Amino acid sequence: MKFKLSTLLVGSAALAMTMISAPVSAVAGAEFPPRQMEIIVPHGVGSSQDRITRALGKEWEEIIKTSFKYNNKKGGSTRIGFDYFLQRSQKQLLSTNPAVAVLMYLQQKPDWKWNEEVVPVGMIALDPGAIYVRAESPLKSMEDVLAEARKRTLTVAITHWTSPENLVLHQIMDYTGVKFEVIPYGESKVAVTQVLGGHVDFGLDKMVAINSAGPGVMRYLAITMDENTVPEITNDAPPLSEVLGQETVQAAAYRTVYAHKSILDTNPEGYKKLVESMREAKKTQAFLEEVKKFQLDPKLVVDWKPKKIQSINDAYEKAFAKYGSVLTESK
């Protein structure tokens, strides 16, 4: 009996050592996807990022055969959510807007490396930025804005001082020599209300926020993207770079889901499952119908490749190198 027990213990120890020394990919592959995954959202409950993540998750978990739970970790311009996520295991995903997150990364300089720690699974949807005025504004075009700004300093509403929108505004001022008084209101609904009430000359925000004012209430003057893919709901506003004749930051909300890069490195098949199942979830009719409730056109549910998503970082790093000192001023 003692012999059998000893043999059993030795065998168990050998098995344990084998599991410890086994490649992470083999262990992770056998367990992936886990029965439950946590999605860290470094934005508030009820925010645009939060709502669209949960809407996607409802369809995604049915396809990937797991269940999602959501953990909102708002604060520090997404830093709190990132720090929390990077301390966790491969069972966690993170959903955020890299346009905001990369500015946090460049400004705060955390002790982790973006490209070494996280990898995009996919973009849920694109929420383009736009320069807009109330419908009855005497400013009928972006050219009108620039012409008026050469006569006086125009006031412009944005949400946050350290933001993609402010980068764009400083590029416009740099390229044209005009001056704006940039006012960060903290929340999109407040900024939009200020534009609607005529308290500022114009605003720069995301389409979802602008459209929340209702149909026909606002006029779009320029889209802060290289292309306007939804001209029918933005009164055919031109791309800002086309108006200026110079390249500008593509200010938008890039609703993106990230995974730990270790999944790609140690379990490429598991990473592939995430990418393909998320892509399939975005195509479901239920999700596309839900998107409309967020004032977002289903055509903005895009399928950018991970490499293209990564390119956002490069563009923002370049702009931050020139205008970053302005954005770090306290306002």
C-alpha atoms as a PDB file:
ATOM      1  CA  MET A   1       0.000   0.000   0.000  1.00  0.00           C
ATOM      2  CA  LYS A   2       2.890   2.332   0.906  1.00  0.00           C
ATOM      3  CA  PHE A   3       4.558   1.465  -2.397  1.00  0.00           C
ATOM      4  CA  LYS A   4       1.451   2.276  -4.350  1.00  0.00           C
ATOM      5  CA  LEU A   5       0.969   5.582  -2.502  1.00  0.00           C
ATOM      6  CA  SER A   6       4.598   6.554  -3.080  1.00  0.00           C
ATOM      7  CA  THR A   7       4.305   5.674  -6.740  1.00  0.00           C
ATOM      8  CA  LEU A   8       1.166   7.774  -6.988  1.00  0.00           C
ATOM      9  CA  LEU A   9       2.831  10.765  -5.316  1.00  0.00           C
ATOM     10  CA  VAL A  10       5.892  10.547  -7.526  1.00  0.00           C
ATOM     11  CA  GLY A  11       3.696  10.251 -10.605  1.00  0.00           C
ATOM     12  CA  SER A  12       1.633  13.265  -9.533  1.00  0.00           C
ATOM     13  CA  ALA A  13       4.765  15.306  -8.940  1.00  0.00           C
ATOM     14  CA  ALA A  14       6.121  14.368 -12.349  1.00  0.00           C
ATOM     15  CA  LEU A  15       2.831  15.362 -13.972  1.00  0.00           C
ATOM     16  CA  ALA A  16       2.877  18.690 -12.150  1.00  0.00           C
ATOM     17  CA  MET A  17       6.451  19.368 -13.288  1.00  0.00           C
ATOM     18  CA  THR A  18       5.476  18.496 -16.844  1.00  0.00           C
ATOM     19  CA  MET A  19       2.586  20.986 -16.722  1.00  0.00           C
ATOM     20  CA  ILE A  20       4.837  23.690 -15.274  1.00  0.00           C
ATOM     21  CA  SER A  21       7.492  23.167 -17.924  1.00  0.00           C
ATOM     22  CA  ALA A  22       4.975  22.807 -20.780  1.00  0.00           C
ATOM     23  CA  PRO A  23       4.824  25.715 -23.219  1.00  0.00           C
ATOM     24  CA  VAL A  24       2.288  28.398 -22.248  1.00  0.00           C
ATOM     25  CA  SER A  25       0.738  28.083 -25.696  1.00  0.00           C
ATOM     26  CA  ALA A  26      -0.172  24.441 -25.123  1.00  0.00           C
ATOM     27  CA  VAL A  27      -1.844  25.145 -21.788  1.00  0.00           C
ATOM     28  CA  ALA A  28      -3.537  28.301 -22.993  1.00  0.00           C
ATOM     29  CA  GLY A  29      -4.657  26.622 -26.189  1.00  0.00           C
ATOM     30  CA  ALA A  30      -6.345  23.814 -24.256  1.00  0.00           C
ATOM     31  CA  GLU A  31      -8.279  26.288 -22.140  1.00  0.00           C
ATOM     32  CA  PHE A  32      -9.092  28.923 -24.715  1.00  0.00           C
ATOM     33  CA  PRO A  33     -11.569  30.448 -24.853  1.00  0.00           C
ATOM     34  CA  PRO A  34     -12.363  30.205 -21.145  1.00  0.00           C
ATOM     35  CA  ARG A  35     -15.976  29.876 -20.055  1.00  0.00           C
ATOM     36  CA  GLN A  36     -15.954  33.488 -18.924  1.00  0.00           C
ATOM     37  CA  MET A  37     -13.912  36.485 -20.027  1.00  0.00           C
ATOM     38  CA  GLU A  38     -13.776  39.926 -18.475  1.00  0.00           C
ATOM     39  CA  ILE A  39     -13.825  43.039 -20.630  1.00  0.00           C
ATOM     40  CA  ILE A  40     -12.163  46.025 -18.992  1.00  0.00           C
ATOM     41  CA  VAL A  41     -13.708  49.320 -20.139  1.00  0.00           C
ATOM     42  CA  PRO A  42     -11.623  52.343 -19.016  1.00  0.00           C
ATOM     43  CA  HIS A  43     -14.637  54.596 -19.543  1.00  0.00           C
ATOM     44  CA  GLY A  44     -17.762  55.296 -17.521  1.00  0.00           C
ATOM     45  CA  VAL A  45     -20.862  53.113 -17.386  1.00  0.00           C
ATOM     46  CA  GLY A  46     -23.273  54.356 -20.044  1.00  0.00           C
ATOM     47  CA  SER A  47     -20.566  56.057 -22.105  1.00  0.00           C
ATOM     48  CA  SER A  48     -20.502  55.497 -25.858  1.00  0.00           C
ATOM     49  CA  GLN A  49     -17.574  53.085 -25.508  1.00  0.00           C
ATOM     50  CA  ASP A  50     -19.335  51.168 -22.767  1.00  0.00           C
ATOM     51  CA  ARG A  51     -22.662  50.888 -24.569  1.00  0.00           C
ATOM     52  CA  ILE A  52     -21.293  49.737 -27.905  1.00  0.00           C
ATOM     53  CA  THR A  53     -18.952  47.246 -26.186  1.00  0.00           C
ATOM     54  CA  ARG A  54     -21.845  45.652 -24.315  1.00  0.00           C
ATOM     55  CA  ALA A  55     -23.993  45.588 -27.468  1.00  0.00           C
ATOM     56  CA  LEU A  56     -21.242  43.775 -29.348  1.00  0.00           C
ATOM     57  CA  GLY A  57     -20.547  41.451 -26.421  1.00  0.00           C
ATOM     58  CA  LYS A  58     -24.114  40.216 -26.390  1.00  0.00           C
ATOM     59  CA  GLU A  59     -23.711  38.823 -29.912  1.00  0.00           C
ATOM     60  CA  TRP A  60     -20.017  37.970 -29.607  1.00  0.00           C
ATOM     61  CA  GLU A  61     -20.340  35.684 -26.604  1.00  0.00           C
ATOM     62  CA  GLU A  62     -22.921  33.563 -28.450  1.00  0.00           C
ATOM     63  CA  ILE A  63     -20.463  33.037 -31.311  1.00  0.00           C
ATOM     64  CA  ILE A  64     -17.319  32.431 -29.274  1.00  0.00           C
ATOM     65  CA  LYS A  65     -19.205  30.236 -26.774  1.00  0.00           C
ATOM     66  CA  THR A  66     -18.197  32.070 -23.618  1.00  0.00           C
ATOM     67  CA  SER A  67     -19.740  34.728 -21.410  1.00  0.00           C
ATOM     68  CA  PHE A  68     -18.498  38.256 -20.886  1.00  0.00           C
ATOM     69  CA  LYS A  69     -18.596  40.303 -17.731  1.00  0.00           C
ATOM     70  CA  TYR A  70     -17.790  43.998 -17.836  1.00  0.00           C
ATOM     71  CA  ASN A  71     -15.584  45.969 -15.490  1.00  0.00           C
ATOM     72  CA  ASN A  72     -15.577  49.753 -15.867  1.00  0.00           C
ATOM     73  CA  LYS A  73     -12.324  51.314 -14.663  1.00  0.00           C
ATOM     74  CA  LYS A  74     -12.685  54.994 -15.513  1.00  0.00           C
ATOM     75  CA  GLY A  75     -10.015  57.555 -14.733  1.00  0.00           C
ATOM     76  CA  GLY A  76      -6.608  58.926 -15.610  1.00  0.00           C
ATOM     77  CA  SER A  77      -7.554  59.381 -19.275  1.00  0.00           C
ATOM     78  CA  THR A  78      -7.877  55.544 -19.537  1.00  0.00           C
ATOM     79  CA  ARG A  79      -4.650  54.953 -17.528  1.00  0.00           C
ATOM     80  CA  ILE A  80      -6.480  53.292 -14.624  1.00  0.00           C
ATOM     81  CA  GLY A  81      -8.158  50.807 -16.956  1.00  0.00           C
ATOM     82  CA  PHE A  82      -4.930  50.029 -18.802  1.00  0.00           C
ATOM     83  CA  ASP A  83      -2.941  49.519 -15.603  1.00  0.00           C
ATOM     84  CA  TYR A  84      -5.628  47.220 -14.224  1.00  0.00           C
ATOM     85  CA  PHE A  85      -5.845  45.252 -17.474  1.00  0.00           C
ATOM     86  CA  LEU A  86      -2.092  44.740 -17.772  1.00  0.00           C
ATOM     87  CA  GLN A  87      -1.949  43.217 -14.286  1.00  0.00           C
ATOM     88  CA  ARG A  88      -4.452  40.552 -15.263  1.00  0.00           C
ATOM     89  CA  SER A  89      -4.314  37.298 -17.198  1.00  0.00           C
ATOM     90  CA  GLN A  90      -5.184  36.304 -20.752  1.00  0.00           C
ATOM     91  CA  LYS A  91      -8.808  35.928 -19.675  1.00  0.00           C
ATOM     92  CA  GLN A  92      -9.242  39.700 -19.879  1.00  0.00           C
ATOM     93  CA  LEU A  93      -9.858  41.951 -22.888  1.00  0.00           C
ATOM     94  CA  LEU A  94      -9.879  45.752 -22.976  1.00  0.00           C
ATOM     95  CA  SER A  95     -12.203  48.038 -24.932  1.00  0.00           C
ATOM     96  CA  THR A  96     -11.187  51.642 -25.502  1.00  0.00           C
ATOM     97  CA  ASN A  97     -10.591  54.457 -27.976  1.00  0.00           C
ATOM     98  CA  PRO A  98      -6.887  54.398 -28.925  1.00  0.00           C
ATOM     99  CA  ALA A  99      -6.988  58.024 -30.068  1.00  0.00           C
ATOM    100  CA  VAL A 100      -7.508  59.012 -26.425  1.00  0.00           C
ATOM    101  CA  ALA A 101      -5.397  56.204 -24.969  1.00  0.00           C
ATOM    102  CA  VAL A 102      -2.318  56.963 -27.054  1.00  0.00           C
ATOM    103  CA  LEU A 103      -2.357  60.592 -25.881  1.00  0.00           C
ATOM    104  CA  MET A 104      -2.498  59.292 -22.310  1.00  0.00           C
ATOM    105  CA  TYR A 105       0.440  57.020 -23.076  1.00  0.00           C
ATOM    106  CA  LEU A 106       2.537  59.796 -24.628  1.00  0.00           C
ATOM    107  CA  GLN A 107       1.732  62.317 -21.908  1.00  0.00           C
ATOM    108  CA  GLN A 108       1.905  60.137 -18.791  1.00  0.00           C
ATOM    109  CA  LYS A 109       4.731  57.814 -19.923  1.00  0.00           C
ATOM    110  CA  PRO A 110       3.677  54.670 -17.992  1.00  0.00           C
ATOM    111  CA  ASP A 111       6.224  51.968 -17.252  1.00  0.00           C
ATOM    112  CA  TRP A 112       4.754  49.579 -19.821  1.00  0.00           C
ATOM    113  CA  LYS A 113       5.308  49.512 -23.584  1.00  0.00           C
ATOM    114  CA  TRP A 114       2.211  49.802 -25.755  1.00  0.00           C
ATOM    115  CA  ASN A 115       3.350  47.607 -28.660  1.00  0.00           C
ATOM    116  CA  GLU A 116       4.907  45.051 -26.326  1.00  0.00           C
ATOM    117  CA  GLU A 117       1.909  44.630 -24.032  1.00  0.00           C
ATOM    118  CA  VAL A 118      -1.301  44.942 -26.073  1.00  0.00           C
ATOM    119  CA  VAL A 119      -2.517  43.899 -29.506  1.00  0.00           C
ATOM    120  CA  PRO A 120      -5.777  44.901 -31.233  1.00  0.00           C
ATOM    121  CA  VAL A 121      -8.409  42.223 -31.711  1.00  0.00           C
ATOM    122  CA  GLY A 122     -10.528  44.463 -33.899  1.00  0.00           C
ATOM    123  CA  MET A 123     -12.348  47.750 -34.236  1.00  0.00           C
ATOM    124  CA  ILE A 124     -16.019  47.715 -33.307  1.00  0.00           C
ATOM    125  CA  ALA A 125     -16.934  50.908 -35.112  1.00  0.00           C
ATOM    126  CA  LEU A 126     -15.629  54.289 -36.176  1.00  0.00           C
ATOM    127  CA  ASP A 127     -17.144  57.502 -34.826  1.00  0.00           C
ATOM    128  CA  PRO A 128     -15.631  60.281 -36.982  1.00  0.00           C
ATOM    129  CA  GLY A 129     -14.916  63.716 -35.598  1.00  0.00           C
ATOM    130  CA  ALA A 130     -16.383  66.802 -37.214  1.00  0.00           C
ATOM    131  CA  ILE A 131     -16.419  70.575 -37.053  1.00  0.00           C
ATOM    132  CA  TYR A 132     -20.008  71.723 -36.694  1.00  0.00           C
ATOM    133  CA  VAL A 133     -22.265  74.734 -36.018  1.00  0.00           C
ATOM    134  CA  ARG A 134     -25.922  75.163 -35.179  1.00  0.00           C
ATOM    135  CA  ALA A 135     -28.104  75.102 -38.282  1.00  0.00           C
ATOM    136  CA  GLU A 136     -28.880  78.834 -38.200  1.00  0.00           C
ATOM    137  CA  SER A 137     -25.248  79.905 -37.798  1.00  0.00           C
ATOM    138  CA  PRO A 138     -23.996  82.490 -40.298  1.00  0.00           C
ATOM    139  CA  LEU A 139     -20.944  80.240 -40.756  1.00  0.00           C
ATOM    140  CA  LYS A 140     -22.028  78.048 -43.659  1.00  0.00           C
ATOM    141  CA  SER A 141     -18.731  76.365 -44.487  1.00  0.00           C
ATOM    142  CA  MET A 142     -15.228  75.759 -43.178  1.00  0.00           C
ATOM    143  CA  GLU A 143     -14.050  78.531 -45.485  1.00  0.00           C
ATOM    144  CA  ASP A 144     -16.463  80.871 -43.664  1.00  0.00           C
ATOM    145  CA  VAL A 145     -14.913  79.840 -40.340  1.00  0.00           C
ATOM    146  CA  LEU A 146     -11.404  80.646 -41.550  1.00  0.00           C
ATOM    147  CA  ALA A 147     -12.479  83.945 -43.120  1.00  0.00           C
ATOM    148  CA  GLU A 148     -14.208  85.063 -39.919  1.00  0.00           C
ATOM    149  CA  ALA A 149     -11.281  83.880 -37.794  1.00  0.00           C
ATOM    150  CA  ARG A 150      -8.987  86.221 -39.731  1.00  0.00           C
ATOM    151  CA  LYS A 151     -11.112  89.108 -38.443  1.00  0.00           C
ATOM    152  CA  ARG A 152     -11.514  88.005 -34.813  1.00  0.00           C
ATOM    153  CA  THR A 153     -10.751  85.187 -32.399  1.00  0.00           C
ATOM    154  CA  LEU A 154     -13.464  82.535 -32.669  1.00  0.00           C
ATOM    155  CA  THR A 155     -14.572  80.442 -29.702  1.00  0.00           C
ATOM    156  CA  VAL A 156     -14.749  76.668 -30.129  1.00  0.00           C
ATOM    157  CA  ALA A 157     -16.235  73.999 -27.851  1.00  0.00           C
ATOM    158  CA  ILE A 158     -14.491  70.671 -27.251  1.00  0.00           C
ATOM    159  CA  THR A 159     -14.780  68.144 -24.434  1.00  0.00           C
ATOM    160  CA  HIS A 160     -11.221  67.835 -23.083  1.00  0.00           C
ATOM    161  CA  TRP A 161      -8.079  69.938 -23.391  1.00  0.00           C
ATOM    162  CA  THR A 162      -5.785  66.956 -23.908  1.00  0.00           C
ATOM    163  CA  SER A 163      -7.686  65.453 -26.813  1.00  0.00           C
ATOM    164  CA  PRO A 164      -7.465  64.603 -30.517  1.00  0.00           C
ATOM    165  CA  GLU A 165      -9.835  67.511 -31.188  1.00  0.00           C
ATOM    166  CA  ASN A 166      -7.434  70.007 -29.646  1.00  0.00           C
ATOM    167  CA  LEU A 167      -4.584  68.587 -31.712  1.00  0.00           C
ATOM    168  CA  VAL A 168      -6.632  69.281 -34.843  1.00  0.00           C
ATOM    169  CA  LEU A 169      -7.474  72.820 -33.763  1.00  0.00           C
ATOM    170  CA  HIS A 170      -3.827  73.631 -33.120  1.00  0.00           C
ATOM    171  CA  GLN A 171      -2.912  72.232 -36.508  1.00  0.00           C
ATOM    172  CA  ILE A 172      -5.501  74.517 -38.146  1.00  0.00           C
ATOM    173  CA  MET A 173      -4.129  77.526 -36.279  1.00  0.00           C
ATOM    174  CA  ASP A 174      -0.574  76.560 -37.217  1.00  0.00           C
ATOM    175  CA  TYR A 175      -1.385  76.052 -40.903  1.00  0.00           C
ATOM    176  CA  THR A 176      -3.543  79.153 -41.382  1.00  0.00           C
ATOM    177  CA  GLY A 177      -2.362  81.675 -38.799  1.00  0.00           C
ATOM    178  CA  VAL A 178      -5.853  82.155 -37.324  1.00  0.00           C
ATOM    179  CA  LYS A 179      -6.561  82.111 -33.593  1.00  0.00           C
ATOM    180  CA  PHE A 180      -9.235  80.187 -31.702  1.00  0.00           C
ATOM    181  CA  GLU A 181     -10.207  80.358 -28.071  1.00  0.00           C
ATOM    182  CA  VAL A 182     -10.513  76.659 -27.256  1.00  0.00           C
ATOM    183  CA  ILE A 183     -12.926  75.869 -24.417  1.00  0.00           C
ATOM    184  CA  PRO A 184     -12.984  72.327 -22.946  1.00  0.00           C
ATOM    185  CA  TYR A 185     -16.365  71.639 -21.334  1.00  0.00           C
ATOM    186  CA  GLY A 186     -15.628  68.192 -19.886  1.00  0.00           C
ATOM    187  CA  GLU A 187     -18.587  66.399 -21.468  1.00  0.00           C
ATOM    188  CA  SER A 188     -19.868  66.162 -25.021  1.00  0.00           C
ATOM    189  CA  LYS A 189     -23.458  66.946 -24.066  1.00  0.00           C
ATOM    190  CA  VAL A 190     -22.350  70.197 -22.428  1.00  0.00           C
ATOM    191  CA  ALA A 191     -20.164  71.181 -25.391  1.00  0.00           C
ATOM    192  CA  VAL A 192     -22.953  70.443 -27.869  1.00  0.00           C
ATOM    193  CA  THR A 193     -25.386  72.471 -25.781  1.00  0.00           C
ATOM    194  CA  GLN A 194     -23.011  75.438 -25.819  1.00  0.00           C
ATOM    195  CA  VAL A 195     -22.882  75.315 -29.620  1.00  0.00           C
ATOM    196  CA  LEU A 196     -26.632  74.886 -29.869  1.00  0.00           C
ATOM    197  CA  GLY A 197     -27.234  77.858 -27.572  1.00  0.00           C
ATOM    198  CA  GLY A 198     -24.953  80.101 -29.610  1.00  0.00           C
ATOM    199  CA  HIS A 199     -22.545  80.596 -26.693  1.00  0.00           C
ATOM    200  CA  VAL A 200     -19.570  79.610 -28.865  1.00  0.00           C
ATOM    201  CA  ASP A 201     -18.945  80.046 -32.569  1.00  0.00           C
ATOM    202  CA  PHE A 202     -18.512  76.367 -33.416  1.00  0.00           C
ATOM    203  CA  GLY A 203     -17.622  72.973 -32.000  1.00  0.00           C
ATOM    204  CA  LEU A 204     -15.487  69.936 -32.740  1.00  0.00           C
ATOM    205  CA  ASP A 205     -16.770  66.581 -31.536  1.00  0.00           C
ATOM    206  CA  LYS A 206     -17.677  63.060 -32.594  1.00  0.00           C
ATOM    207  CA  MET A 207     -20.639  62.437 -34.881  1.00  0.00           C
ATOM    208  CA  VAL A 208     -22.582  60.481 -32.254  1.00  0.00           C
ATOM    209  CA  ALA A 209     -22.442  63.448 -29.879  1.00  0.00           C
ATOM    210  CA  ILE A 210     -23.376  65.937 -32.610  1.00  0.00           C
ATOM    211  CA  ASN A 211     -26.268  63.810 -33.854  1.00  0.00           C
ATOM    212  CA  SER A 212     -27.636  63.535 -30.318  1.00  0.00           C
ATOM    213  CA  ALA A 213     -28.960  67.082 -30.743  1.00  0.00           C
ATOM    214  CA  GLY A 214     -31.477  65.733 -33.269  1.00  0.00           C
ATOM    215  CA  PRO A 215     -31.888  65.703 -37.059  1.00  0.00           C
ATOM    216  CA  GLY A 216     -31.351  69.024 -38.828  1.00  0.00           C
ATOM    217  CA  VAL A 217     -30.316  70.854 -35.666  1.00  0.00           C
ATOM    218  CA  MET A 218     -26.621  71.067 -36.490  1.00  0.00           C
ATOM    219  CA  ARG A 219     -24.686  71.716 -39.702  1.00  0.00           C
ATOM    220  CA  TYR A 220     -21.470  69.847 -40.454  1.00  0.00           C
ATOM    221  CA  LEU A 221     -18.649  71.984 -41.872  1.00  0.00           C
ATOM    222  CA  ALA A 222     -15.791  69.474 -42.131  1.00  0.00           C
ATOM    223  CA  ILE A 223     -15.008  65.878 -41.238  1.00  0.00           C
ATOM    224  CA  THR A 224     -11.714  65.279 -39.452  1.00  0.00           C
ATOM    225  CA  MET A 225     -11.008  62.140 -41.478  1.00  0.00           C
ATOM    226  CA  ASP A 226      -9.427  61.594 -44.894  1.00  0.00           C
ATOM    227  CA  GLU A 227     -12.818  60.600 -46.300  1.00  0.00           C
ATOM    228  CA  ASN A 228     -16.454  61.293 -45.489  1.00  0.00           C
ATOM    229  CA  THR A 229     -18.076  57.871 -45.808  1.00  0.00           C
ATOM    230  CA  VAL A 230     -21.507  59.051 -44.621  1.00  0.00           C
ATOM    231  CA  PRO A 231     -22.180  62.235 -46.664  1.00  0.00           C
ATOM    232  CA  GLU A 232     -25.943  61.725 -46.523  1.00  0.00           C
ATOM    233  CA  ILE A 233     -26.062  62.351 -42.758  1.00  0.00           C
ATOM    234  CA  THR A 234     -23.364  65.033 -42.619  1.00  0.00           C
ATOM    235  CA  ASN A 235     -24.697  67.368 -45.335  1.00  0.00           C
ATOM    236  CA  ASP A 236     -21.817  66.207 -47.552  1.00  0.00           C
ATOM    237  CA  ALA A 237     -19.195  68.010 -45.464  1.00  0.00           C
ATOM    238  CA  PRO A 238     -15.699  67.758 -46.957  1.00  0.00           C
ATOM    239  CA  PRO A 239     -12.667  66.241 -45.220  1.00  0.00           C
ATOM    240  CA  LEU A 240     -10.768  68.937 -43.305  1.00  0.00           C
ATOM    241  CA  SER A 241      -7.469  68.045 -44.981  1.00  0.00           C
ATOM    242  CA  GLU A 242      -9.111  68.713 -48.338  1.00  0.00           C
ATOM    243  CA  VAL A 243     -10.194  72.202 -47.222  1.00  0.00           C
ATOM    244  CA  LEU A 244      -6.775  73.082 -45.797  1.00  0.00           C
ATOM    245  CA  GLY A 245      -4.726  71.349 -48.468  1.00  0.00           C
ATOM    246  CA  GLN A 246      -2.610  69.789 -45.723  1.00  0.00           C
ATOM    247  CA  GLU A 247      -2.718  66.591 -43.729  1.00  0.00           C
ATOM    248  CA  THR A 248      -4.409  66.763 -40.332  1.00  0.00           C
ATOM    249  CA  VAL A 249      -4.838  64.348 -37.437  1.00  0.00           C
ATOM    250  CA  GLN A 250      -7.759  62.021 -38.090  1.00  0.00           C
ATOM    251  CA  ALA A 251      -9.655  62.825 -34.930  1.00  0.00           C
ATOM    252  CA  ALA A 252     -12.267  60.171 -34.292  1.00  0.00           C
ATOM    253  CA  ALA A 253     -13.358  57.609 -31.748  1.00  0.00           C
ATOM    254  CA  TYR A 254     -11.884  54.297 -32.861  1.00  0.00           C
ATOM    255  CA  ARG A 255     -13.946  51.868 -30.748  1.00  0.00           C
ATOM    256  CA  THR A 256     -11.406  49.065 -30.426  1.00  0.00           C
ATOM    257  CA  VAL A 257     -10.993  45.853 -28.440  1.00  0.00           C
ATOM    258  CA  TYR A 258      -7.498  44.836 -27.320  1.00  0.00           C
ATOM    259  CA  ALA A 259      -6.023  41.627 -25.945  1.00  0.00           C
ATOM    260  CA  HIS A 260      -2.817  40.843 -24.101  1.00  0.00           C
ATOM    261  CA  LYS A 261      -0.057  40.508 -26.680  1.00  0.00           C
ATOM    262  CA  SER A 262       0.964  37.293 -24.905  1.00  0.00           C
ATOM    263  CA  ILE A 263      -2.093  35.627 -26.477  1.00  0.00           C
ATOM    264  CA  LEU A 264      -0.747  36.365 -29.959  1.00  0.00           C
ATOM    265  CA  ASP A 265       2.770  35.334 -28.956  1.00  0.00           C
ATOM    266  CA  THR A 266       1.925  32.077 -27.164  1.00  0.00           C
ATOM    267  CA  ASN A 267      -1.458  31.129 -28.566  1.00  0.00           C
ATOM    268  CA  PRO A 268      -1.875  32.405 -32.135  1.00  0.00           C
ATOM    269  CA  GLU A 269      -4.846  30.123 -32.727  1.00  0.00           C
ATOM    270  CA  GLY A 270      -6.583  31.550 -29.691  1.00  0.00           C
ATOM    271  CA  TYR A 271      -5.923  35.078 -30.929  1.00  0.00           C
ATOM    272  CA  LYS A 272      -7.279  34.106 -34.341  1.00  0.00           C
ATOM    273  CA  LYS A 273     -10.485  32.840 -32.693  1.00  0.00           C
ATOM    274  CA  LEU A 274     -10.933  36.207 -31.016  1.00  0.00           C
ATOM    275  CA  VAL A 275     -10.397  38.145 -34.250  1.00  0.00           C
ATOM    276  CA  GLU A 276     -12.651  35.982 -36.406  1.00  0.00           C
ATOM    277  CA  SER A 277     -15.478  35.639 -33.878  1.00  0.00           C
ATOM    278  CA  MET A 278     -15.518  39.399 -33.234  1.00  0.00           C
ATOM    279  CA  ARG A 279     -15.666  40.043 -36.974  1.00  0.00           C
ATOM    280  CA  GLU A 280     -18.616  37.672 -37.258  1.00  0.00           C
ATOM    281  CA  ALA A 281     -20.424  39.305 -34.313  1.00  0.00           C
ATOM    282  CA  LYS A 282     -20.207  42.730 -35.958  1.00  0.00           C
ATOM    283  CA  LYS A 283     -22.048  41.409 -39.001  1.00  0.00           C
ATOM    284  CA  THR A 284     -25.079  40.172 -37.088  1.00  0.00           C
ATOM    285  CA  GLN A 285     -28.321  41.978 -37.827  1.00  0.00           C
ATOM    286  CA  ALA A 286     -29.060  42.319 -34.122  1.00  0.00           C
ATOM    287  CA  PHE A 287     -25.840  44.269 -33.530  1.00  0.00           C
ATOM    288  CA  LEU A 288     -26.286  46.475 -36.605  1.00  0.00           C
ATOM    289  CA  GLU A 289     -29.800  47.366 -35.457  1.00  0.00           C
ATOM    290  CA  GLU A 290     -28.505  48.150 -31.964  1.00  0.00           C
ATOM    291  CA  VAL A 291     -25.864  50.466 -33.405  1.00  0.00           C
ATOM    292  CA  LYS A 292     -28.590  52.692 -34.858  1.00  0.00           C
ATOM    293  CA  LYS A 293     -29.822  53.410 -31.316  1.00  0.00           C
ATOM    294  CA  PHE A 294     -26.474  55.097 -30.628  1.00  0.00           C
ATOM    295  CA  GLN A 295     -27.004  57.572 -33.508  1.00  0.00           C
ATOM    296  CA  LEU A 296     -24.312  55.675 -35.415  1.00  0.00           C
ATOM    297  CA  ASP A 297     -24.737  54.692 -39.053  1.00  0.00           C
ATOM    298  CA  PRO A 298     -24.152  50.938 -39.584  1.00  0.00           C
ATOM    299  CA  LYS A 299     -21.740  51.859 -42.405  1.00  0.00           C
ATOM    300  CA  LEU A 300     -19.386  53.033 -39.667  1.00  0.00           C
ATOM    301  CA  VAL A 301     -19.091  49.482 -38.328  1.00  0.00           C
ATOM    302  CA  VAL A 302     -15.729  48.964 -40.004  1.00  0.00           C
ATOM    303  CA  ASP A 303     -13.297  46.085 -40.321  1.00  0.00           C
ATOM    304  CA  TRP A 304      -9.856  47.615 -40.029  1.00  0.00           C
ATOM    305  CA  LYS A 305      -6.920  45.220 -39.938  1.00  0.00           C
ATOM    306  CA  PRO A 306      -4.820  45.175 -36.745  1.00  0.00           C
ATOM    307  CA  LYS A 307      -1.888  46.789 -38.583  1.00  0.00           C
ATOM    308  CA  LYS A 308      -4.075  49.704 -39.696  1.00  0.00           C
ATOM    309  CA  ILE A 309      -5.342  50.168 -36.135  1.00  0.00           C
ATOM    310  CA  GLN A 310      -1.729  50.258 -34.934  1.00  0.00           C
ATOM    311  CA  SER A 311      -1.032  53.036 -37.442  1.00  0.00           C
ATOM    312  CA  ILE A 312      -3.213  55.365 -35.360  1.00  0.00           C
ATOM    313  CA  ASN A 313      -0.452  55.401 -32.771  1.00  0.00           C
ATOM    314  CA  ASP A 314       2.147  56.532 -35.300  1.00  0.00           C
ATOM    315  CA  ALA A 315       0.056  59.458 -36.535  1.00  0.00           C
ATOM    316  CA  TYR A 316      -0.705  60.689 -33.036  1.00  0.00           C
ATOM    317  CA  GLU A 317       2.904  60.345 -31.927  1.00  0.00           C
ATOM    318  CA  LYS A 318       3.961  62.558 -34.828  1.00  0.00           C
ATOM    319  CA  ALA A 319       1.374  65.235 -33.997  1.00  0.00           C
ATOM    320  CA  PHE A 320       2.070  65.028 -30.269  1.00  0.00           C
ATOM    321  CA  ALA A 321       5.780  65.600 -30.886  1.00  0.00           C
ATOM    322  CA  LYS A 322       4.906  69.035 -32.300  1.00  0.00           C
ATOM    323  CA  TYR A 323       1.871  70.100 -30.273  1.00  0.00           C
ATOM    324  CA  GLY A 324       2.149  67.996 -27.128  1.00  0.00           C
ATOM    325  CA  SER A 325       3.486  70.808 -24.970  1.00  0.00           C
ATOM    326  CA  VAL A 326       0.331  72.810 -25.680  1.00  0.00           C
ATOM    327  CA  LEU A 327      -1.907  69.886 -24.776  1.00  0.00           C
ATOM    328  CA  THR A 328      -0.196  69.337 -21.438  1.00  0.00           C
ATOM    329  CA  GLU A 329      -0.979  72.858 -20.269  1.00  0.00           C
ATOM    330  CA  SER A 330      -3.575  72.819 -17.496  1.00  0.00           C
ATOM    331  CA  LYS A 331      -6.967  74.151 -18.490  1.00  0.00           C
END
